[in-house]
Protein backbone atom coordinates (compact mmCIF):
# COMPACT_ATOMS: atom_id res chain seq x y z
CA MET A 1 -15.52 -39.27 38.00
CA ILE A 2 -15.29 -37.01 34.97
CA ILE A 3 -14.14 -33.65 36.27
CA ALA A 4 -14.46 -31.79 32.98
CA ASP A 5 -18.09 -32.89 32.63
CA ASN A 6 -18.84 -31.83 36.20
CA ILE A 7 -17.43 -28.36 35.56
CA LYS A 8 -19.33 -28.04 32.29
CA LEU A 9 -22.60 -28.94 34.03
CA LEU A 10 -22.00 -26.44 36.82
CA ARG A 11 -21.28 -23.66 34.35
CA LYS A 12 -24.63 -24.31 32.71
CA GLU A 13 -26.42 -24.04 36.07
CA ILE A 14 -24.51 -21.16 37.65
CA PRO A 15 -24.94 -17.61 36.28
CA GLN A 16 -21.94 -16.17 34.47
CA ASN A 17 -21.61 -13.34 37.01
CA VAL A 18 -20.99 -15.88 39.80
CA ARG A 19 -17.46 -17.25 40.02
CA ILE A 20 -16.84 -20.91 40.78
CA ILE A 21 -14.03 -21.49 43.27
CA ALA A 22 -13.07 -25.16 42.91
CA VAL A 23 -12.32 -26.41 46.42
CA SER A 24 -9.31 -28.59 45.79
CA LYS A 25 -8.27 -29.34 49.37
CA THR A 26 -6.92 -32.90 49.80
CA MET A 27 -6.84 -33.36 46.01
CA PRO A 28 -3.47 -34.18 44.45
CA ALA A 29 -1.99 -31.89 41.82
CA GLU A 30 -2.73 -34.28 38.97
CA ILE A 31 -6.45 -34.23 39.79
CA ILE A 32 -6.46 -30.43 40.05
CA ARG A 33 -4.74 -30.34 36.68
CA GLN A 34 -7.75 -32.09 35.14
CA ALA A 35 -9.96 -29.23 36.31
CA TYR A 36 -7.41 -26.73 35.06
CA ASP A 37 -7.37 -28.39 31.65
CA ALA A 38 -11.16 -28.07 31.59
CA GLY A 39 -10.77 -24.30 31.91
CA GLN A 40 -11.08 -23.87 35.68
CA ARG A 41 -8.62 -21.29 37.03
CA ALA A 42 -9.75 -20.41 40.58
CA PHE A 43 -9.00 -23.01 43.26
CA GLY A 44 -9.63 -22.90 47.00
CA GLU A 45 -7.43 -24.45 49.66
CA ASN A 46 -7.75 -24.39 53.43
CA ARG A 47 -4.31 -25.56 54.57
CA VAL A 48 -1.30 -23.35 53.99
CA GLN A 49 1.29 -26.10 53.70
CA GLU A 50 -0.79 -28.02 51.16
CA LEU A 51 -1.49 -24.83 49.20
CA TYR A 52 2.18 -23.85 49.17
CA LEU A 53 3.24 -27.19 47.69
CA LYS A 54 0.50 -27.30 45.07
CA GLN A 55 1.26 -23.76 43.93
CA GLN A 56 4.73 -24.87 42.94
CA MET A 57 3.43 -27.88 41.00
CA LEU A 58 0.72 -26.20 38.92
CA PRO A 59 0.68 -23.50 36.21
CA PRO A 60 1.44 -19.91 37.23
CA ASP A 61 -1.91 -18.55 36.04
CA VAL A 62 -3.87 -20.50 38.65
CA GLU A 63 -5.76 -18.16 41.01
CA TRP A 64 -5.24 -19.50 44.52
CA HIS A 65 -7.89 -18.67 47.11
CA LEU A 66 -7.31 -19.36 50.80
CA ILE A 67 -10.67 -20.36 52.23
CA GLY A 68 -9.67 -21.85 55.59
CA HIS A 69 -8.54 -20.33 58.85
CA LEU A 70 -5.20 -18.56 58.46
CA GLN A 71 -2.78 -18.35 61.37
CA THR A 72 -0.63 -15.23 61.50
CA ASN A 73 2.60 -17.25 61.48
CA LYS A 74 1.59 -18.85 58.17
CA VAL A 75 0.89 -15.63 56.27
CA LYS A 76 4.46 -15.35 54.99
CA PHE A 77 4.14 -18.63 53.07
CA VAL A 78 1.28 -17.49 50.83
CA VAL A 79 1.58 -13.73 50.56
CA SER A 80 3.76 -13.80 47.44
CA PHE A 81 1.17 -15.55 45.25
CA ILE A 82 -2.26 -15.62 46.90
CA HIS A 83 -5.10 -14.16 44.84
CA LEU A 84 -7.71 -13.75 47.57
CA ILE A 85 -7.93 -14.58 51.27
CA HIS A 86 -11.57 -15.37 52.11
CA SER A 87 -11.19 -16.02 55.83
CA VAL A 88 -9.95 -12.86 57.55
CA ASP A 89 -11.47 -12.70 61.01
CA SER A 90 -9.36 -10.25 63.03
CA LEU A 91 -7.45 -6.99 62.91
CA LYS A 92 -4.39 -8.92 64.09
CA LEU A 93 -4.49 -11.11 60.99
CA LEU A 94 -5.05 -8.15 58.68
CA THR A 95 -2.10 -6.37 60.26
CA GLU A 96 0.16 -9.35 59.67
CA ILE A 97 -0.99 -9.73 56.07
CA ASN A 98 -0.26 -6.03 55.57
CA ARG A 99 3.19 -6.37 57.13
CA GLU A 100 4.23 -9.33 54.98
CA ALA A 101 2.71 -7.86 51.81
CA SER A 102 4.60 -4.61 52.34
CA LYS A 103 7.89 -6.51 52.06
CA LEU A 104 6.93 -7.53 48.51
CA ASN A 105 5.14 -4.30 47.64
CA ARG A 106 1.93 -6.28 47.08
CA ARG A 107 -1.61 -5.36 47.98
CA ILE A 108 -3.56 -8.41 49.09
CA ASP A 109 -7.29 -8.68 48.47
CA CYS A 110 -9.17 -10.02 51.51
CA LEU A 111 -12.70 -10.83 52.55
CA LEU A 112 -13.93 -10.35 56.09
CA GLN A 113 -15.35 -13.65 57.29
CA ILE A 114 -18.64 -12.99 59.07
CA ARG A 115 -20.12 -15.53 61.41
CA ILE A 116 -23.66 -16.26 60.28
CA ALA A 117 -23.97 -19.93 61.28
CA ARG A 118 -25.42 -21.02 64.60
CA GLU A 119 -22.75 -23.69 65.06
CA GLU A 120 -20.17 -22.95 67.72
CA THR A 121 -17.44 -24.55 65.63
CA LYS A 122 -17.82 -22.03 62.79
CA THR A 123 -15.31 -19.17 62.86
CA GLY A 124 -15.72 -15.59 61.75
CA LEU A 125 -16.41 -12.14 63.10
CA PRO A 126 -19.81 -11.60 64.70
CA VAL A 127 -21.61 -8.78 62.92
CA GLU A 128 -21.20 -6.35 65.82
CA LYS A 129 -17.46 -6.98 66.10
CA ALA A 130 -17.12 -6.46 62.36
CA ARG A 131 -18.88 -3.12 62.73
CA GLN A 132 -16.50 -2.17 65.54
CA LEU A 133 -13.51 -3.02 63.38
CA LEU A 134 -14.82 -0.96 60.49
CA PHE A 135 -15.80 1.98 62.70
CA SER A 136 -12.35 1.99 64.34
CA GLY A 137 -10.76 3.39 61.21
CA GLU A 138 -7.71 1.19 61.72
CA LEU A 139 -8.10 -0.41 58.32
CA SER A 140 -7.11 2.86 56.66
CA ASP A 141 -3.58 2.39 58.01
CA LEU A 142 -3.17 -0.92 56.20
CA GLN A 143 -2.00 0.18 52.78
CA HIS A 144 -1.11 -3.31 51.57
CA VAL A 145 -4.51 -4.85 52.28
CA ARG A 146 -7.74 -4.28 50.36
CA ILE A 147 -11.11 -5.44 51.67
CA THR A 148 -13.12 -6.53 48.65
CA GLY A 149 -16.14 -8.11 50.32
CA LEU A 150 -17.47 -10.59 52.86
CA MET A 151 -17.46 -14.35 53.32
CA GLY A 152 -19.81 -16.54 55.32
CA LEU A 153 -20.47 -20.20 56.10
CA ALA A 154 -24.04 -21.32 56.68
CA THR A 155 -24.99 -23.84 59.32
CA PHE A 156 -24.54 -27.47 58.24
CA THR A 157 -28.18 -28.50 58.25
CA ASP A 158 -30.95 -29.77 55.98
CA ASN A 159 -33.13 -26.85 57.08
CA THR A 160 -33.22 -24.76 53.93
CA VAL A 161 -35.25 -22.04 55.63
CA GLN A 162 -32.45 -21.52 58.16
CA ILE A 163 -29.74 -21.58 55.49
CA ARG A 164 -31.64 -19.06 53.38
CA GLN A 165 -32.03 -16.77 56.41
CA GLU A 166 -28.30 -16.95 57.17
CA PHE A 167 -27.35 -16.10 53.60
CA GLN A 168 -29.85 -13.25 53.59
CA GLN A 169 -28.31 -11.99 56.84
CA LEU A 170 -24.90 -11.81 55.18
CA ALA A 171 -26.36 -10.14 52.10
CA ALA A 172 -28.05 -7.49 54.26
CA PHE A 173 -24.83 -6.82 56.16
CA PHE A 174 -22.93 -6.62 52.88
CA LYS A 175 -25.28 -3.83 51.74
CA GLU A 176 -24.76 -2.02 55.05
CA VAL A 177 -20.97 -2.28 54.85
CA LYS A 178 -20.94 -1.18 51.21
CA ALA A 179 -23.13 1.85 51.85
CA THR A 180 -21.42 2.90 55.09
CA TRP A 181 -17.73 2.22 54.55
CA PHE A 182 -17.11 1.49 50.86
CA PRO A 183 -19.65 3.54 48.87
CA ASP A 184 -17.08 4.74 46.35
CA GLU A 185 -15.01 1.54 46.15
CA PRO A 186 -15.97 -0.56 43.10
CA SER A 187 -13.55 -3.24 44.32
CA PHE A 188 -15.84 -3.95 47.29
CA ARG A 189 -18.20 -6.26 45.46
CA GLU A 190 -17.69 -9.87 46.55
CA MET A 191 -19.90 -12.13 48.64
CA SER A 192 -18.32 -15.55 49.04
CA MET A 193 -21.04 -17.86 50.28
CA GLY A 194 -22.41 -21.20 49.24
CA MET A 195 -20.88 -24.65 48.82
CA SER A 196 -21.83 -27.84 46.99
CA GLY A 197 -24.86 -28.49 49.18
CA ASP A 198 -26.30 -24.99 49.35
CA TYR A 199 -24.87 -22.93 46.49
CA LYS A 200 -28.27 -22.43 44.84
CA LEU A 201 -29.61 -20.76 47.99
CA ALA A 202 -26.46 -18.63 48.18
CA ILE A 203 -26.82 -17.45 44.57
CA GLU A 204 -30.46 -16.66 45.26
CA ALA A 205 -29.28 -14.39 48.10
CA GLY A 206 -26.71 -12.61 45.93
CA SER A 207 -23.49 -14.60 46.22
CA THR A 208 -20.79 -13.65 43.72
CA MET A 209 -18.51 -16.60 44.53
CA VAL A 210 -19.46 -20.18 45.33
CA ARG A 211 -16.96 -22.64 46.78
CA ILE A 212 -17.64 -25.99 45.08
CA GLY A 213 -15.73 -29.13 45.98
CA SER A 214 -17.55 -32.46 45.86
CA LEU A 215 -19.67 -31.55 42.83
CA ILE A 216 -16.43 -31.14 40.88
CA PHE A 217 -14.01 -33.62 42.42
CA GLY A 218 -16.35 -36.13 44.07
CA GLU A 219 -16.71 -36.96 47.73
CA ARG A 220 -13.59 -36.70 49.86
CA ASN A 221 -12.15 -39.08 52.41
CA LEU A 222 -13.42 -37.53 55.64
CA ASN A 223 -10.29 -38.71 57.43
CA GLN A 224 -8.10 -36.45 55.31
């Protein structure tokens, strides 16, 4: 497994305006360092404890992205260094992020995770609940949180027609949210969708961030 070569190949295939988030969950720091040495700076983790430990072991210019479900009682462990939280799915979580960030006088960039997959196990806000949250006006009270876009996970399936439809659904909702609630906010520009198995479909639909794990680091132990 030659990580540097994998990253180089991906950069040739993925447009420059699309950021690669290297999904480093379960990977030890020394493996992540190989990707870092190849020029990769943005890494995605889904477990707070693992992220917290790795952040202390790797260079300070790493951009850490939290891509997994975040419990409110874990916010305090990442708020001092996190670059972007992809997986915000409730006003309660946003409020807690705002509260912890205010203690450090930080403003945390967040994506609203929208449920586009048909799988019951997938988390995220249904589109209508996301609209309700945005219409409520309660986000304006959260001065230490900035919504910079949307995130979505497609259904785990070989049906490319379905995956394409789900990504297109998120892209259409992104345009609605941008036009209705963030028309004058240049920071609202991110669509985080697409992983190793479907990133090409996601880019086709307008993704600005793809979360790539196995194509960089190789297949993981599913028991981890």
